[in-house]
């Protein structure tokens, strides 16, 4: 059956083709429960045949839901944040939601407040917050009354529901892997001190070393980049020439450290073992392939969206969700020489 003569097909066209009422078409489109399976299938076939696209503005006015999720993101060019954003978008699409991204070039309370206000003015149903979080940001989110907010790497109390990879436990697993090989002098290349996740990874290293009764030296700080890892590696070799292994707070810095070791004549893993964190796509193709902690970002996107949907339907208990990274053992770790 052809659509109306004015161009785009309407809900009435779908109803005529499916031989149901326009109200039934509306119920199917808005995913109401109480529609017979054969009726639902007939309507969906008609929607596909006519290439019908609902009027989003009209649907929003009708049910006060935009079916759009807002995302506040900062460093989305780095692997972790970019992969998180991509996984959230995929999870949202699978649940019939669009995504409106507010990327912040500056990161302070004012910029975050303006970004949240702009998203709520667009009528988003809820917000997922993918950004480093300080106490100032925590206070801002606690005072925000616009829409439900779910945070990635968030706080475990207050207004938001946090979903995070457990960097403390993931770091303990990374260090335990080195200890099980027989390493005792294990140093840590940390991320910038302003990042909560860098602090968590340092805490995990310290706890596992303490549990094994092993001495530590101060972490060598980096900046998440290969260049920063290289510079930290040069400093490490001066400061701790007797170290036999390093746990590095992310894979990009681990790549820089491996180059510093190579230029210093230290062979990985014969003379020195390296464990990273993230499992970036390049990690499996370094020389040697990098042992690292994998974060399942596809699962993360689903968990973030599920947490937000529970906030929207009132079923959330606000409890934090902690995901534990997986150890991916490759060829950059081995028993210490001798």
Protein backbone atom coordinates (compact mmCIF):
# COMPACT_ATOMS: atom_id res chain seq x y z
CA UNK A 1 0.00 0.00 0.00
CA UNK A 2 1.51 3.33 -0.97
CA UNK A 3 2.15 6.05 1.58
CA UNK A 4 0.20 9.30 1.52
CA UNK A 5 0.75 11.60 -1.42
CA UNK A 6 2.57 14.27 0.60
CA UNK A 7 5.88 12.43 0.96
CA UNK A 8 6.78 10.76 4.27
CA UNK A 9 4.57 7.88 5.46
CA UNK A 10 2.45 8.55 8.53
CA UNK A 11 1.26 6.47 11.46
CA UNK A 12 -2.11 6.24 9.71
CA UNK A 13 -0.40 4.66 6.68
CA UNK A 14 1.21 2.07 8.94
CA UNK A 15 -2.14 1.39 10.64
CA UNK A 16 -3.89 0.83 7.29
CA UNK A 17 -1.20 -1.52 6.02
CA UNK A 18 -1.10 -3.52 9.27
CA UNK A 19 -4.90 -3.43 9.55
CA UNK A 20 -4.82 -2.09 13.11
CA UNK A 21 -5.69 1.19 14.77
CA UNK A 22 -3.28 4.12 14.96
CA UNK A 23 -3.36 3.68 18.74
CA UNK A 24 -2.04 0.13 18.37
CA UNK A 25 0.76 1.38 16.11
CA UNK A 26 1.65 3.94 18.77
CA UNK A 27 1.75 1.24 21.44
CA UNK A 28 4.08 -0.92 19.37
CA UNK A 29 6.41 1.99 18.57
CA UNK A 30 6.56 2.99 22.24
CA UNK A 31 7.18 -0.63 23.28
CA UNK A 32 4.11 -1.14 25.42
CA UNK A 33 3.92 -4.60 26.96
CA UNK A 34 0.30 -5.50 26.32
CA UNK A 35 0.30 -6.03 22.56
CA UNK A 36 -0.21 -9.49 21.05
CA UNK A 37 2.92 -10.92 19.45
CA UNK A 38 1.32 -11.43 16.02
CA UNK A 39 -0.07 -7.86 16.07
CA UNK A 40 3.33 -6.47 17.06
CA UNK A 41 5.02 -8.38 14.23
CA UNK A 42 2.43 -7.15 11.70
CA UNK A 43 2.97 -3.54 12.74
CA UNK A 44 6.76 -3.86 12.66
CA UNK A 45 6.60 -5.39 9.16
CA UNK A 46 4.48 -2.44 8.02
CA UNK A 47 6.92 0.03 9.61
CA UNK A 48 9.81 -1.60 7.76
CA UNK A 49 7.92 -1.87 4.44
CA UNK A 50 6.94 1.80 4.50
CA UNK A 51 10.28 2.93 5.98
CA UNK A 52 8.25 4.81 8.59
CA UNK A 53 10.20 7.04 11.00
CA UNK A 54 8.28 8.31 14.05
CA UNK A 55 8.21 12.02 14.77
CA UNK A 56 10.56 12.24 17.76
CA UNK A 57 9.29 15.64 18.86
CA UNK A 58 5.70 14.42 18.83
CA UNK A 59 6.62 11.31 20.79
CA UNK A 60 8.45 13.42 23.36
CA UNK A 61 5.39 15.63 23.86
CA UNK A 62 3.16 12.58 24.10
CA UNK A 63 5.08 10.60 26.70
CA UNK A 64 7.49 13.18 28.10
CA UNK A 65 10.43 10.95 27.17
CA UNK A 66 12.95 11.94 24.52
CA UNK A 67 14.54 8.45 24.29
CA UNK A 68 17.85 10.33 24.31
CA UNK A 69 20.75 9.89 26.74
CA UNK A 70 23.16 12.73 27.41
CA UNK A 71 26.87 12.01 27.81
CA UNK A 72 29.37 14.42 29.35
CA UNK A 73 32.89 13.52 28.20
CA UNK A 74 36.32 15.09 28.43
CA UNK A 75 39.41 13.21 27.27
CA UNK A 76 37.58 11.15 24.64
CA UNK A 77 40.61 10.99 22.33
CA UNK A 78 42.42 8.63 24.74
CA UNK A 79 41.71 4.93 24.37
CA UNK A 80 39.82 4.33 27.62
CA UNK A 81 37.39 7.28 27.44
CA UNK A 82 36.91 6.87 23.66
CA UNK A 83 36.15 3.15 24.01
CA UNK A 84 33.78 3.89 26.89
CA UNK A 85 31.90 6.48 24.85
CA UNK A 86 31.66 4.11 21.89
CA UNK A 87 30.33 1.28 24.08
CA UNK A 88 27.72 3.58 25.66
CA UNK A 89 26.52 4.68 22.22
CA UNK A 90 26.23 1.05 21.06
CA UNK A 91 24.36 0.01 24.21
CA UNK A 92 22.00 2.99 23.91
CA UNK A 93 21.20 2.17 20.28
CA UNK A 94 20.43 -1.42 21.20
CA UNK A 95 17.84 -0.14 23.68
CA UNK A 96 16.31 2.34 21.25
CA UNK A 97 17.98 5.45 22.67
CA UNK A 98 19.84 8.19 20.88
CA UNK A 99 22.91 9.84 22.41
CA UNK A 100 23.73 13.53 22.71
CA UNK A 101 27.41 14.08 23.58
CA UNK A 102 28.64 17.19 25.38
CA UNK A 103 32.43 17.23 24.99
CA UNK A 104 34.20 19.69 27.28
CA UNK A 105 37.37 21.39 26.04
CA UNK A 106 37.84 22.86 29.52
CA UNK A 107 37.26 20.81 32.63
CA UNK A 108 36.12 22.70 35.69
CA UNK A 109 32.93 23.01 37.74
CA UNK A 110 31.58 25.84 35.58
CA UNK A 111 32.10 23.93 32.33
CA UNK A 112 30.51 20.79 33.77
CA UNK A 113 27.55 22.79 35.12
CA UNK A 114 27.03 24.48 31.74
CA UNK A 115 27.28 21.12 29.94
CA UNK A 116 24.69 19.51 32.22
CA UNK A 117 22.37 22.49 31.79
CA UNK A 118 22.67 22.32 28.00
CA UNK A 119 21.88 18.60 27.96
CA UNK A 120 18.83 19.01 30.19
CA UNK A 121 17.61 21.85 27.96
CA UNK A 122 17.65 19.31 25.10
CA UNK A 123 15.25 17.13 27.07
CA UNK A 124 17.58 14.16 27.64
CA UNK A 125 16.14 11.48 29.91
CA UNK A 126 19.37 11.00 31.87
CA UNK A 127 23.11 11.65 31.79
CA UNK A 128 26.18 9.40 31.80
CA UNK A 129 29.27 11.20 33.04
CA UNK A 130 32.61 10.02 31.58
CA UNK A 131 35.26 12.26 33.08
CA UNK A 132 37.83 12.49 35.89
CA UNK A 133 36.10 13.42 39.13
CA UNK A 134 37.29 15.65 41.92
CA UNK A 135 35.48 16.56 45.12
CA UNK A 136 34.33 19.82 43.47
CA UNK A 137 32.66 17.83 40.70
CA UNK A 138 31.18 15.47 43.29
CA UNK A 139 29.60 18.42 45.09
CA UNK A 140 28.22 19.75 41.80
CA UNK A 141 26.67 16.40 40.85
CA UNK A 142 25.15 16.05 44.32
CA UNK A 143 23.42 19.41 43.89
CA UNK A 144 22.22 18.66 40.36
CA UNK A 145 18.46 18.07 40.24
CA UNK A 146 17.85 18.03 36.48
CA UNK A 147 17.88 14.33 35.48
CA UNK A 148 19.40 11.10 36.83
CA UNK A 149 23.19 10.88 36.50
CA UNK A 150 25.36 7.77 36.30
CA UNK A 151 29.12 8.23 36.60
CA UNK A 152 31.98 6.16 35.19
CA UNK A 153 34.77 5.91 37.77
CA UNK A 154 32.46 7.71 40.13
CA UNK A 155 32.05 8.16 43.84
CA UNK A 156 30.46 5.51 46.02
CA UNK A 157 28.04 7.85 47.75
CA UNK A 158 25.76 10.77 47.06
CA UNK A 159 23.52 11.69 44.15
CA UNK A 160 25.03 9.56 41.39
CA UNK A 161 25.14 5.83 40.73
CA UNK A 162 28.78 4.94 39.98
CA UNK A 163 29.93 2.22 37.59
CA UNK A 164 33.65 1.59 37.47
CA UNK A 165 36.39 -0.88 36.79
CA UNK A 166 38.00 -1.80 40.10
CA UNK A 167 41.47 -0.37 39.51
CA UNK A 168 42.65 -1.34 42.98
CA UNK A 169 41.81 -5.02 42.51
CA UNK A 170 42.99 -4.97 38.89
CA UNK A 171 46.33 -3.55 40.01
CA UNK A 172 46.68 -6.19 42.72
CA UNK A 173 46.15 -8.90 40.10
CA UNK A 174 48.81 -7.31 37.85
CA UNK A 175 51.38 -7.13 40.66
CA UNK A 176 50.48 -10.62 41.91
CA UNK A 177 51.26 -11.95 38.42
CA UNK A 178 54.79 -10.52 38.70
CA UNK A 179 55.25 -11.81 42.26
CA UNK A 180 54.18 -15.31 41.19
CA UNK A 181 56.97 -15.24 38.60
CA UNK A 182 59.42 -14.56 41.47
CA UNK A 183 59.94 -10.80 41.13
CA UNK A 184 60.62 -8.92 44.36
CA UNK A 185 61.86 -5.53 43.19
CA UNK A 186 58.72 -4.29 41.38
CA UNK A 187 58.43 -0.58 40.66
CA UNK A 188 55.36 1.38 39.61
CA UNK A 189 55.01 3.93 36.81
CA UNK A 190 51.96 5.90 37.94
CA UNK A 191 49.54 8.22 36.17
CA UNK A 192 49.18 11.93 36.98
CA UNK A 193 48.37 12.59 40.64
CA UNK A 194 45.30 14.66 39.69
CA UNK A 195 43.52 11.54 38.39
CA UNK A 196 41.60 9.42 40.87
CA UNK A 197 42.17 6.30 38.79
CA UNK A 198 45.96 6.87 38.97
CA UNK A 199 45.69 6.97 42.76
CA UNK A 200 43.63 3.75 42.78
CA UNK A 201 46.22 1.91 40.68
CA UNK A 202 49.01 3.05 42.98
CA UNK A 203 46.99 1.86 46.00
CA UNK A 204 46.56 -1.57 44.40
CA UNK A 205 50.31 -1.87 43.78
CA UNK A 206 51.13 -0.84 47.35
CA UNK A 207 48.60 -3.25 48.88
CA UNK A 208 49.79 -6.28 46.92
CA UNK A 209 53.43 -5.51 47.63
CA UNK A 210 52.64 -5.13 51.34
CA UNK A 211 50.66 -8.38 51.35
CA UNK A 212 53.73 -10.16 49.95
CA UNK A 213 56.06 -8.45 52.43
CA UNK A 214 57.99 -6.69 49.66
CA UNK A 215 59.62 -3.26 49.96
CA UNK A 216 58.60 -0.40 47.68
CA UNK A 217 60.10 2.84 46.43
CA UNK A 218 58.13 5.93 45.44
CA UNK A 219 56.27 5.56 42.12
CA UNK A 220 57.76 7.21 39.05
CA UNK A 221 55.01 9.50 37.67
CA UNK A 222 54.02 9.73 34.02
CA UNK A 223 51.32 11.51 32.03
CA UNK A 224 49.45 8.58 30.36
CA UNK A 225 51.39 9.07 27.06
CA UNK A 226 54.16 6.94 25.47
CA UNK A 227 56.47 9.96 25.74
CA UNK A 228 55.71 10.27 29.42
CA UNK A 229 56.33 6.55 29.85
CA UNK A 230 59.67 6.85 28.09
CA UNK A 231 60.79 9.74 30.32
CA UNK A 232 59.58 7.90 33.42
CA UNK A 233 61.46 4.80 32.22
CA UNK A 234 64.72 6.72 31.90
CA UNK A 235 64.21 8.07 35.44
CA UNK A 236 63.31 4.60 36.71
CA UNK A 237 66.55 3.07 35.45
CA UNK A 238 68.54 5.79 37.22
CA UNK A 239 66.57 5.59 40.46
CA UNK A 240 66.12 1.80 40.69
CA UNK A 241 68.83 0.04 38.67
CA UNK A 242 68.19 -3.20 40.56
CA UNK A 243 64.46 -3.36 39.69
CA UNK A 244 63.46 -6.44 37.69
CA UNK A 245 59.84 -5.56 36.85
CA UNK A 246 57.40 -2.68 36.54
CA UNK A 247 53.65 -2.37 36.83
CA UNK A 248 52.62 0.55 34.61
CA UNK A 249 49.36 2.47 35.10
CA UNK A 250 48.41 2.29 31.42
CA UNK A 251 49.55 0.62 28.21
CA UNK A 252 50.65 3.77 26.42
CA UNK A 253 53.19 4.52 29.14
CA UNK A 254 54.23 0.87 29.08
CA UNK A 255 55.14 1.27 25.39
CA UNK A 256 57.40 4.21 26.27
CA UNK A 257 59.01 2.27 29.12
CA UNK A 258 59.78 -0.64 26.81
CA UNK A 259 61.60 1.70 24.42
CA UNK A 260 63.61 3.17 27.31
CA UNK A 261 64.55 -0.34 28.41
CA UNK A 262 65.56 -1.28 24.86
CA UNK A 263 67.81 1.77 24.51
CA UNK A 264 69.39 0.99 27.87
CA UNK A 265 70.21 -2.54 26.71
CA UNK A 266 67.63 -4.17 28.97
CA UNK A 267 65.74 -7.00 27.27
CA UNK A 268 62.04 -7.60 27.90
CA UNK A 269 61.25 -10.07 29.43
CA UNK A 270 64.74 -11.65 29.83
CA UNK A 271 66.11 -8.80 31.96
CA UNK A 272 62.96 -6.93 32.90
CA UNK A 273 59.21 -7.71 32.97
CA UNK A 274 56.47 -5.19 32.18
CA UNK A 275 52.71 -5.24 32.90
CA UNK A 276 50.39 -2.50 31.61
CA UNK A 277 46.73 -1.65 32.07
CA UNK A 278 43.88 -1.19 29.51
CA UNK A 279 44.71 -3.73 26.77
CA UNK A 280 44.79 -1.18 23.97
CA UNK A 281 44.56 -2.73 20.47
CA UNK A 282 48.32 -2.27 19.93
CA UNK A 283 49.23 -4.23 23.08
CA UNK A 284 49.09 -7.61 21.32
CA UNK A 285 51.49 -6.41 18.60
CA UNK A 286 54.38 -4.86 20.54
CA UNK A 287 57.78 -6.57 20.65
CA UNK A 288 57.30 -8.57 22.77
CA UNK A 289 53.48 -8.57 23.08
CA UNK A 290 52.46 -6.73 26.25
CA UNK A 291 50.98 -8.41 29.32
CA UNK A 292 48.20 -6.15 30.56
CA UNK A 293 44.89 -5.82 32.39
CA UNK A 294 41.91 -5.87 30.02
CA UNK A 295 38.87 -3.70 30.64
CA UNK A 296 35.79 -4.97 28.78
CA UNK A 297 34.42 -1.68 27.48
CA UNK A 298 31.52 -3.34 25.69
CA UNK A 299 30.32 -4.71 29.02
CA UNK A 300 30.99 -1.33 30.62
CA UNK A 301 28.71 0.47 28.14
CA UNK A 302 25.92 -2.01 28.85
CA UNK A 303 26.37 -1.63 32.62
CA UNK A 304 26.36 2.16 32.46
CA UNK A 305 23.20 2.23 30.39
CA UNK A 306 21.51 -0.41 32.55
CA UNK A 307 22.31 1.61 35.67
CA UNK A 308 20.77 4.69 34.08
CA UNK A 309 17.66 2.81 32.92
CA UNK A 310 17.19 1.56 36.49
CA UNK A 311 17.45 5.15 37.70
CA UNK A 312 14.80 6.15 35.17
CA UNK A 313 12.32 3.43 36.12
CA UNK A 314 12.90 3.81 39.85
CA UNK A 315 14.36 0.33 40.40
CA UNK A 316 17.93 1.43 41.22
CA UNK A 317 19.27 1.03 44.74
CA UNK A 318 22.14 3.43 43.97
CA UNK A 319 24.75 0.80 44.84
CA UNK A 320 28.07 1.12 43.01
CA UNK A 321 28.92 -1.44 40.32
CA UNK A 322 32.53 -2.64 40.40
CA UNK A 323 33.89 -4.53 37.37
CA UNK A 324 37.20 -6.36 37.77
CA UNK A 325 39.66 -6.25 34.82
CA UNK A 326 41.05 -9.50 33.41
CA UNK A 327 44.75 -10.35 33.30
CA UNK A 328 45.92 -10.92 29.71
CA UNK A 329 49.26 -12.72 30.03
CA UNK A 330 51.49 -12.26 26.99
CA UNK A 331 55.26 -12.32 26.44
CA UNK A 332 56.46 -9.21 28.30
CA UNK A 333 56.55 -11.05 31.64
CA UNK A 334 58.76 -13.96 32.75
CA UNK A 335 60.84 -15.13 35.69
CA UNK A 336 63.66 -12.74 36.68
CA UNK A 337 67.10 -13.57 35.30
CA UNK A 338 69.28 -15.67 37.54
